[in-house]
Amino acid sequence: MATAYTPQPLAKALIHKISTLPAERIAEVEDFVDFIGAKEAKQREAQHKADRALTRAAAAASAPAFAAVWNNPEDDVYDSI
């Protein structure tokens, strides 16, 4: 996955190149950058959903093991708290 970090010299060179384009091409570049940003946001959201699903699955898988430990007469006093 690409990082948001852009080295300054590269960013400055890109800004210079863009600034030499005609206005209609700059608008196209802006649209493309917006498209890439939206695509990245969708990918981050998809990863976030996958992470949440994995967390829920792990919790469900561990529930029986915890139940065996937690469900005992010695701990019944804590159920009323």
PDB file of N, CA and C in Angstrom:
ATOM      1  N   MET A   1       0.849  -1.178   0.000  1.00  0.00           N
ATOM      2  CA  MET A   1       0.000   0.000   0.000  1.00  0.00           C
ATOM      3  C   MET A   1       0.894   1.239   0.000  1.00  0.00           C
ATOM      4  N   ALA A   2       0.557   2.200  -0.827  1.00  0.00           N
ATOM      5  CA  ALA A   2       1.337   3.432  -0.918  1.00  0.00           C
ATOM      6  C   ALA A   2       1.092   4.306   0.311  1.00  0.00           C
ATOM      7  N   THR A   3       2.094   5.058   0.673  1.00  0.00           N
ATOM      8  CA  THR A   3       1.950   5.951   1.815  1.00  0.00           C
ATOM      9  C   THR A   3       1.598   7.348   1.341  1.00  0.00           C
ATOM     10  N   ALA A   4       1.127   8.187   2.256  1.00  0.00           N
ATOM     11  CA  ALA A   4       0.767   9.559   1.931  1.00  0.00           C
ATOM     12  C   ALA A   4       2.002  10.447   1.849  1.00  0.00           C
ATOM     13  N   TYR A   5       3.146   9.959   2.262  1.00  0.00           N
ATOM     14  CA  TYR A   5       4.371  10.752   2.278  1.00  0.00           C
ATOM     15  C   TYR A   5       4.880  10.957   0.851  1.00  0.00           C
ATOM     16  N   THR A   6       5.135  12.196   0.493  1.00  0.00           N
ATOM     17  CA  THR A   6       5.742  12.523  -0.793  1.00  0.00           C
ATOM     18  C   THR A   6       6.984  13.356  -0.523  1.00  0.00           C
ATOM     19  N   PRO A   7       8.134  12.908  -0.999  1.00  0.00           N
ATOM     20  CA  PRO A   7       9.348  13.701  -0.797  1.00  0.00           C
ATOM     21  C   PRO A   7       9.188  15.087  -1.409  1.00  0.00           C
ATOM     22  N   GLN A   8       9.661  16.109  -0.728  1.00  0.00           N
ATOM     23  CA  GLN A   8       9.516  17.494  -1.181  1.00  0.00           C
ATOM     24  C   GLN A   8      10.026  17.735  -2.594  1.00  0.00           C
ATOM     25  N   PRO A   9      11.198  17.258  -2.973  1.00  0.00           N
ATOM     26  CA  PRO A   9      11.661  17.544  -4.339  1.00  0.00           C
ATOM     27  C   PRO A   9      10.702  16.999  -5.409  1.00  0.00           C
ATOM     28  N   LEU A  10      10.161  15.827  -5.179  1.00  0.00           N
ATOM     29  CA  LEU A  10       9.219  15.243  -6.127  1.00  0.00           C
ATOM     30  C   LEU A  10       7.935  16.059  -6.184  1.00  0.00           C
ATOM     31  N   ALA A  11       7.436  16.472  -5.043  1.00  0.00           N
ATOM     32  CA  ALA A  11       6.222  17.279  -5.002  1.00  0.00           C
ATOM     33  C   ALA A  11       6.431  18.610  -5.715  1.00  0.00           C
ATOM     34  N   LYS A  12       7.551  19.234  -5.483  1.00  0.00           N
ATOM     35  CA  LYS A  12       7.835  20.517  -6.142  1.00  0.00           C
ATOM     36  C   LYS A  12       7.947  20.342  -7.646  1.00  0.00           C
ATOM     37  N   ALA A  13       8.587  19.275  -8.095  1.00  0.00           N
ATOM     38  CA  ALA A  13       8.714  19.023  -9.528  1.00  0.00           C
ATOM     39  C   ALA A  13       7.341  18.785 -10.146  1.00  0.00           C
ATOM     40  N   LEU A  14       6.493  18.053  -9.458  1.00  0.00           N
ATOM     41  CA  LEU A  14       5.148  17.789  -9.955  1.00  0.00           C
ATOM     42  C   LEU A  14       4.330  19.077 -10.030  1.00  0.00           C
ATOM     43  N   ILE A  15       4.415  19.893  -9.008  1.00  0.00           N
ATOM     44  CA  ILE A  15       3.709  21.175  -9.004  1.00  0.00           C
ATOM     45  C   ILE A  15       4.189  22.045 -10.164  1.00  0.00           C
ATOM     46  N   HIS A  16       5.486  22.058 -10.395  1.00  0.00           N
ATOM     47  CA  HIS A  16       6.029  22.847 -11.510  1.00  0.00           C
ATOM     48  C   HIS A  16       5.485  22.342 -12.846  1.00  0.00           C
ATOM     49  N   LYS A  17       5.488  21.036 -13.048  1.00  0.00           N
ATOM     50  CA  LYS A  17       4.974  20.464 -14.295  1.00  0.00           C
ATOM     51  C   LYS A  17       3.498  20.816 -14.489  1.00  0.00           C
ATOM     52  N   ILE A  18       2.728  20.688 -13.435  1.00  0.00           N
ATOM     53  CA  ILE A  18       1.295  21.000 -13.530  1.00  0.00           C
ATOM     54  C   ILE A  18       1.089  22.471 -13.855  1.00  0.00           C
ATOM     55  N   SER A  19       1.889  23.326 -13.253  1.00  0.00           N
ATOM     56  CA  SER A  19       1.722  24.771 -13.467  1.00  0.00           C
ATOM     57  C   SER A  19       2.010  25.194 -14.905  1.00  0.00           C
ATOM     58  N   THR A  20       2.706  24.364 -15.670  1.00  0.00           N
ATOM     59  CA  THR A  20       2.992  24.707 -17.064  1.00  0.00           C
ATOM     60  C   THR A  20       1.883  24.278 -18.018  1.00  0.00           C
ATOM     61  N   LEU A  21       0.907  23.550 -17.517  1.00  0.00           N
ATOM     62  CA  LEU A  21      -0.176  23.065 -18.367  1.00  0.00           C
ATOM     63  C   LEU A  21      -1.233  24.143 -18.579  1.00  0.00           C
ATOM     64  N   PRO A  22      -1.989  24.021 -19.680  1.00  0.00           N
ATOM     65  CA  PRO A  22      -3.123  24.929 -19.879  1.00  0.00           C
ATOM     66  C   PRO A  22      -4.204  24.654 -18.828  1.00  0.00           C
ATOM     67  N   ALA A  23      -5.059  25.647 -18.597  1.00  0.00           N
ATOM     68  CA  ALA A  23      -6.070  25.563 -17.535  1.00  0.00           C
ATOM     69  C   ALA A  23      -6.957  24.329 -17.662  1.00  0.00           C
ATOM     70  N   GLU A  24      -7.360  23.975 -18.893  1.00  0.00           N
ATOM     71  CA  GLU A  24      -8.253  22.809 -19.049  1.00  0.00           C
ATOM     72  C   GLU A  24      -7.536  21.509 -18.681  1.00  0.00           C
ATOM     73  N   ARG A  25      -6.249  21.444 -18.915  1.00  0.00           N
ATOM     74  CA  ARG A  25      -5.483  20.242 -18.529  1.00  0.00           C
ATOM     75  C   ARG A  25      -5.298  20.204 -17.008  1.00  0.00           C
ATOM     76  N   ILE A  26      -5.116  21.346 -16.400  1.00  0.00           N
ATOM     77  CA  ILE A  26      -5.000  21.392 -14.934  1.00  0.00           C
ATOM     78  C   ILE A  26      -6.299  20.882 -14.310  1.00  0.00           C
ATOM     79  N   ALA A  27      -7.434  21.243 -14.903  1.00  0.00           N
ATOM     80  CA  ALA A  27      -8.723  20.742 -14.410  1.00  0.00           C
ATOM     81  C   ALA A  27      -8.783  19.219 -14.532  1.00  0.00           C
ATOM     82  N   GLU A  28      -8.244  18.672 -15.622  1.00  0.00           N
ATOM     83  CA  GLU A  28      -8.206  17.216 -15.791  1.00  0.00           C
ATOM     84  C   GLU A  28      -7.322  16.565 -14.729  1.00  0.00           C
ATOM     85  N   VAL A  29      -6.189  17.183 -14.453  1.00  0.00           N
ATOM     86  CA  VAL A  29      -5.290  16.666 -13.416  1.00  0.00           C
ATOM     87  C   VAL A  29      -6.011  16.676 -12.069  1.00  0.00           C
ATOM     88  N   GLU A  30      -6.717  17.763 -11.784  1.00  0.00           N
ATOM     89  CA  GLU A  30      -7.447  17.848 -10.520  1.00  0.00           C
ATOM     90  C   GLU A  30      -8.508  16.757 -10.429  1.00  0.00           C
ATOM     91  N   ASP A  31      -9.234  16.527 -11.522  1.00  0.00           N
ATOM     92  CA  ASP A  31     -10.236  15.457 -11.538  1.00  0.00           C
ATOM     93  C   ASP A  31      -9.588  14.099 -11.292  1.00  0.00           C
ATOM     94  N   PHE A  32      -8.431  13.883 -11.913  1.00  0.00           N
ATOM     95  CA  PHE A  32      -7.734  12.608 -11.745  1.00  0.00           C
ATOM     96  C   PHE A  32      -7.270  12.422 -10.301  1.00  0.00           C
ATOM     97  N   VAL A  33      -6.738  13.476  -9.722  1.00  0.00           N
ATOM     98  CA  VAL A  33      -6.293  13.406  -8.322  1.00  0.00           C
ATOM     99  C   VAL A  33      -7.492  13.121  -7.410  1.00  0.00           C
ATOM    100  N   ASP A  34      -8.624  13.760  -7.685  1.00  0.00           N
ATOM    101  CA  ASP A  34      -9.835  13.484  -6.898  1.00  0.00           C
ATOM    102  C   ASP A  34     -10.262  12.032  -7.052  1.00  0.00           C
ATOM    103  N   PHE A  35     -10.176  11.503  -8.285  1.00  0.00           N
ATOM    104  CA  PHE A  35     -10.517  10.105  -8.542  1.00  0.00           C
ATOM    105  C   PHE A  35      -9.620   9.167  -7.742  1.00  0.00           C
ATOM    106  N   ILE A  36      -8.321   9.430  -7.769  1.00  0.00           N
ATOM    107  CA  ILE A  36      -7.376   8.593  -7.018  1.00  0.00           C
ATOM    108  C   ILE A  36      -7.674   8.676  -5.518  1.00  0.00           C
ATOM    109  N   GLY A  37      -7.960   9.878  -5.030  1.00  0.00           N
ATOM    110  CA  GLY A  37      -8.288  10.039  -3.613  1.00  0.00           C
ATOM    111  C   GLY A  37      -9.536   9.264  -3.229  1.00  0.00           C
ATOM    112  N   ALA A  38     -10.557   9.299  -4.084  1.00  0.00           N
ATOM    113  CA  ALA A  38     -11.793   8.550  -3.803  1.00  0.00           C
ATOM    114  C   ALA A  38     -11.526   7.048  -3.823  1.00  0.00           C
ATOM    115  N   LYS A  39     -10.712   6.605  -4.758  1.00  0.00           N
ATOM    116  CA  LYS A  39     -10.355   5.184  -4.843  1.00  0.00           C
ATOM    117  C   LYS A  39      -9.615   4.734  -3.580  1.00  0.00           C
ATOM    118  N   GLU A  40      -8.675   5.551  -3.120  1.00  0.00           N
ATOM    119  CA  GLU A  40      -7.942   5.235  -1.887  1.00  0.00           C
ATOM    120  C   GLU A  40      -8.880   5.183  -0.688  1.00  0.00           C
ATOM    121  N   ALA A  41      -9.826   6.123  -0.621  1.00  0.00           N
ATOM    122  CA  ALA A  41     -10.781   6.138   0.496  1.00  0.00           C
ATOM    123  C   ALA A  41     -11.624   4.866   0.492  1.00  0.00           C
ATOM    124  N   LYS A  42     -12.045   4.415  -0.686  1.00  0.00           N
ATOM    125  CA  LYS A  42     -12.827   3.172  -0.783  1.00  0.00           C
ATOM    126  C   LYS A  42     -12.000   1.980  -0.329  1.00  0.00           C
ATOM    127  N   GLN A  43     -10.740   1.953  -0.729  1.00  0.00           N
ATOM    128  CA  GLN A  43      -9.871   0.844  -0.323  1.00  0.00           C
ATOM    129  C   GLN A  43      -9.651   0.837   1.189  1.00  0.00           C
ATOM    130  N   ARG A  44      -9.470   2.033   1.778  1.00  0.00           N
ATOM    131  CA  ARG A  44      -9.298   2.110   3.235  1.00  0.00           C
ATOM    132  C   ARG A  44     -10.559   1.643   3.949  1.00  0.00           C
ATOM    133  N   GLU A  45     -11.728   2.037   3.440  1.00  0.00           N
ATOM    134  CA  GLU A  45     -12.990   1.620   4.053  1.00  0.00           C
ATOM    135  C   GLU A  45     -13.171   0.107   3.940  1.00  0.00           C
ATOM    136  N   ALA A  46     -12.831  -0.460   2.789  1.00  0.00           N
ATOM    137  CA  ALA A  46     -12.928  -1.904   2.611  1.00  0.00           C
ATOM    138  C   ALA A  46     -11.999  -2.630   3.585  1.00  0.00           C
ATOM    139  N   GLN A  47     -10.791  -2.113   3.762  1.00  0.00           N
ATOM    140  CA  GLN A  47      -9.858  -2.724   4.709  1.00  0.00           C
ATOM    141  C   GLN A  47     -10.378  -2.614   6.132  1.00  0.00           C
ATOM    142  N   HIS A  48     -10.967  -1.463   6.457  1.00  0.00           N
ATOM    143  CA  HIS A  48     -11.529  -1.253   7.791  1.00  0.00           C
ATOM    144  C   HIS A  48     -12.659  -2.246   8.053  1.00  0.00           C
ATOM    145  N   LYS A  49     -13.526  -2.459   7.054  1.00  0.00           N
ATOM    146  CA  LYS A  49     -14.618  -3.427   7.197  1.00  0.00           C
ATOM    147  C   LYS A  49     -14.071  -4.837   7.381  1.00  0.00           C
ATOM    148  N   ALA A  50     -13.038  -5.183   6.625  1.00  0.00           N
ATOM    149  CA  ALA A  50     -12.428  -6.508   6.752  1.00  0.00           C
ATOM    150  C   ALA A  50     -11.806  -6.684   8.134  1.00  0.00           C
ATOM    151  N   ASP A  51     -11.161  -5.640   8.639  1.00  0.00           N
ATOM    152  CA  ASP A  51     -10.574  -5.702   9.976  1.00  0.00           C
ATOM    153  C   ASP A  51     -11.650  -5.902  11.046  1.00  0.00           C
ATOM    154  N   ARG A  52     -12.769  -5.182  10.903  1.00  0.00           N
ATOM    155  CA  ARG A  52     -13.862  -5.335  11.878  1.00  0.00           C
ATOM    156  C   ARG A  52     -14.446  -6.736  11.825  1.00  0.00           C
ATOM    157  N   ALA A  53     -14.608  -7.281  10.613  1.00  0.00           N
ATOM    158  CA  ALA A  53     -15.144  -8.635  10.469  1.00  0.00           C
ATOM    159  C   ALA A  53     -14.203  -9.656  11.110  1.00  0.00           C
ATOM    160  N   LEU A  54     -12.911  -9.468  10.929  1.00  0.00           N
ATOM    161  CA  LEU A  54     -11.938 -10.373  11.537  1.00  0.00           C
ATOM    162  C   LEU A  54     -11.992 -10.276  13.059  1.00  0.00           C
ATOM    163  N   THR A  55     -12.141  -9.075  13.578  1.00  0.00           N
ATOM    164  CA  THR A  55     -12.240  -8.889  15.031  1.00  0.00           C
ATOM    165  C   THR A  55     -13.472  -9.591  15.579  1.00  0.00           C
ATOM    166  N   ARG A  56     -14.608  -9.417  14.889  1.00  0.00           N
ATOM    167  CA  ARG A  56     -15.843 -10.085  15.342  1.00  0.00           C
ATOM    168  C   ARG A  56     -15.701 -11.606  15.274  1.00  0.00           C
ATOM    169  N   ALA A  57     -15.079 -12.111  14.212  1.00  0.00           N
ATOM    170  CA  ALA A  57     -14.896 -13.556  14.077  1.00  0.00           C
ATOM    171  C   ALA A  57     -13.990 -14.094  15.180  1.00  0.00           C
ATOM    172  N   ALA A  58     -12.938 -13.367  15.508  1.00  0.00           N
ATOM    173  CA  ALA A  58     -12.038 -13.805  16.580  1.00  0.00           C
ATOM    174  C   ALA A  58     -12.758 -13.807  17.925  1.00  0.00           C
ATOM    175  N   ALA A  59     -13.578 -12.787  18.159  1.00  0.00           N
ATOM    176  CA  ALA A  59     -14.331 -12.738  19.413  1.00  0.00           C
ATOM    177  C   ALA A  59     -15.315 -13.903  19.499  1.00  0.00           C
ATOM    178  N   ALA A  60     -15.993 -14.185  18.399  1.00  0.00           N
ATOM    179  CA  ALA A  60     -16.945 -15.300  18.393  1.00  0.00           C
ATOM    180  C   ALA A  60     -16.229 -16.638  18.593  1.00  0.00           C
ATOM    181  N   ALA A  61     -15.061 -16.782  17.985  1.00  0.00           N
ATOM    182  CA  ALA A  61     -14.304 -18.035  18.115  1.00  0.00           C
ATOM    183  C   ALA A  61     -13.787 -18.229  19.529  1.00  0.00           C
ATOM    184  N   SER A  62     -13.464 -17.140  20.217  1.00  0.00           N
ATOM    185  CA  SER A  62     -12.914 -17.271  21.567  1.00  0.00           C
ATOM    186  C   SER A  62     -13.995 -17.339  22.642  1.00  0.00           C
ATOM    187  N   ALA A  63     -15.223 -17.020  22.319  1.00  0.00           N
ATOM    188  CA  ALA A  63     -16.292 -16.999  23.319  1.00  0.00           C
ATOM    189  C   ALA A  63     -16.447 -18.328  24.056  1.00  0.00           C
ATOM    190  N   PRO A  64     -16.450 -19.470  23.373  1.00  0.00           N
ATOM    191  CA  PRO A  64     -16.586 -20.736  24.115  1.00  0.00           C
ATOM    192  C   PRO A  64     -15.439 -20.969  25.113  1.00  0.00           C
ATOM    193  N   ALA A  65     -14.240 -20.603  24.738  1.00  0.00           N
ATOM    194  CA  ALA A  65     -13.107 -20.795  25.647  1.00  0.00           C
ATOM    195  C   ALA A  65     -13.245 -19.899  26.873  1.00  0.00           C
ATOM    196  N   PHE A  66     -13.657 -18.650  26.667  1.00  0.00           N
ATOM    197  CA  PHE A  66     -13.846 -17.755  27.797  1.00  0.00           C
ATOM    198  C   PHE A  66     -15.021 -18.202  28.657  1.00  0.00           C
ATOM    199  N   ALA A  67     -16.060 -18.704  28.017  1.00  0.00           N
ATOM    200  CA  ALA A  67     -17.225 -19.157  28.780  1.00  0.00           C
ATOM    201  C   ALA A  67     -16.838 -20.286  29.729  1.00  0.00           C
ATOM    202  N   ALA A  68     -15.966 -21.157  29.274  1.00  0.00           N
ATOM    203  CA  ALA A  68     -15.526 -22.264  30.129  1.00  0.00           C
ATOM    204  C   ALA A  68     -14.791 -21.754  31.359  1.00  0.00           C
ATOM    205  N   VAL A  69     -14.108 -20.660  31.234  1.00  0.00           N
ATOM    206  CA  VAL A  69     -13.360 -20.093  32.350  1.00  0.00           C
ATOM    207  C   VAL A  69     -14.260 -19.228  33.220  1.00  0.00           C
ATOM    208  N   TRP A  70     -15.107 -18.412  32.590  1.00  0.00           N
ATOM    209  CA  TRP A  70     -15.911 -17.445  33.326  1.00  0.00           C
ATOM    210  C   TRP A  70     -17.144 -18.043  33.992  1.00  0.00           C
ATOM    211  N   ASN A  71     -17.722 -19.075  33.399  1.00  0.00           N
ATOM    212  CA  ASN A  71     -18.951 -19.650  33.943  1.00  0.00           C
ATOM    213  C   ASN A  71     -18.618 -20.700  35.005  1.00  0.00           C
ATOM    214  N   ASN A  72     -18.440 -20.207  36.218  1.00  0.00           N
ATOM    215  CA  ASN A  72     -18.147 -21.108  37.323  1.00  0.00           C
ATOM    216  C   ASN A  72     -18.775 -20.531  38.591  1.00  0.00           C
ATOM    217  N   PRO A  73     -19.026 -21.358  39.566  1.00  0.00           N
ATOM    218  CA  PRO A  73     -19.711 -20.902  40.775  1.00  0.00           C
ATOM    219  C   PRO A  73     -18.945 -19.802  41.532  1.00  0.00           C
ATOM    220  N   GLU A  74     -17.635 -19.838  41.486  1.00  0.00           N
ATOM    221  CA  GLU A  74     -16.852 -18.825  42.210  1.00  0.00           C
ATOM    222  C   GLU A  74     -17.061 -17.424  41.655  1.00  0.00           C
ATOM    223  N   ASP A  75     -17.332 -17.325  40.364  1.00  0.00           N
ATOM    224  CA  ASP A  75     -17.496 -16.014  39.744  1.00  0.00           C
ATOM    225  C   ASP A  75     -18.947 -15.563  39.660  1.00  0.00           C
ATOM    226  N   ASP A  76     -19.890 -16.385  40.134  1.00  0.00           N
ATOM    227  CA  ASP A  76     -21.305 -16.013  40.057  1.00  0.00           C
ATOM    228  C   ASP A  76     -21.604 -14.713  40.804  1.00  0.00           C
ATOM    229  N   VAL A  77     -20.833 -14.404  41.833  1.00  0.00           N
ATOM    230  CA  VAL A  77     -21.059 -13.192  42.605  1.00  0.00           C
ATOM    231  C   VAL A  77     -20.873 -11.950  41.724  1.00  0.00           C
ATOM    232  N   TYR A  78     -20.028 -12.038  40.718  1.00  0.00           N
ATOM    233  CA  TYR A  78     -19.775 -10.886  39.834  1.00  0.00           C
ATOM    234  C   TYR A  78     -20.911 -10.653  38.835  1.00  0.00           C
ATOM    235  N   ASP A  79     -21.765 -11.657  38.623  1.00  0.00           N
ATOM    236  CA  ASP A  79     -22.863 -11.501  37.675  1.00  0.00           C
ATOM    237  C   ASP A  79     -23.873 -10.461  38.121  1.00  0.00           C
ATOM    238  N   SER A  80     -23.964 -10.221  39.415  1.00  0.00           N
ATOM    239  CA  SER A  80     -24.962  -9.264  39.935  1.00  0.00           C
ATOM    240  C   SER A  80     -24.422  -7.837  39.976  1.00  0.00           C
ATOM    241  N   ILE A  81     -23.184  -7.655  39.618  1.00  0.00           N
ATOM    242  CA  ILE A  81     -22.589  -6.296  39.674  1.00  0.00           C
ATOM    243  C   ILE A  81     -22.944  -5.519  38.440  1.00  0.00           C
TER     244      ILE A  81
END
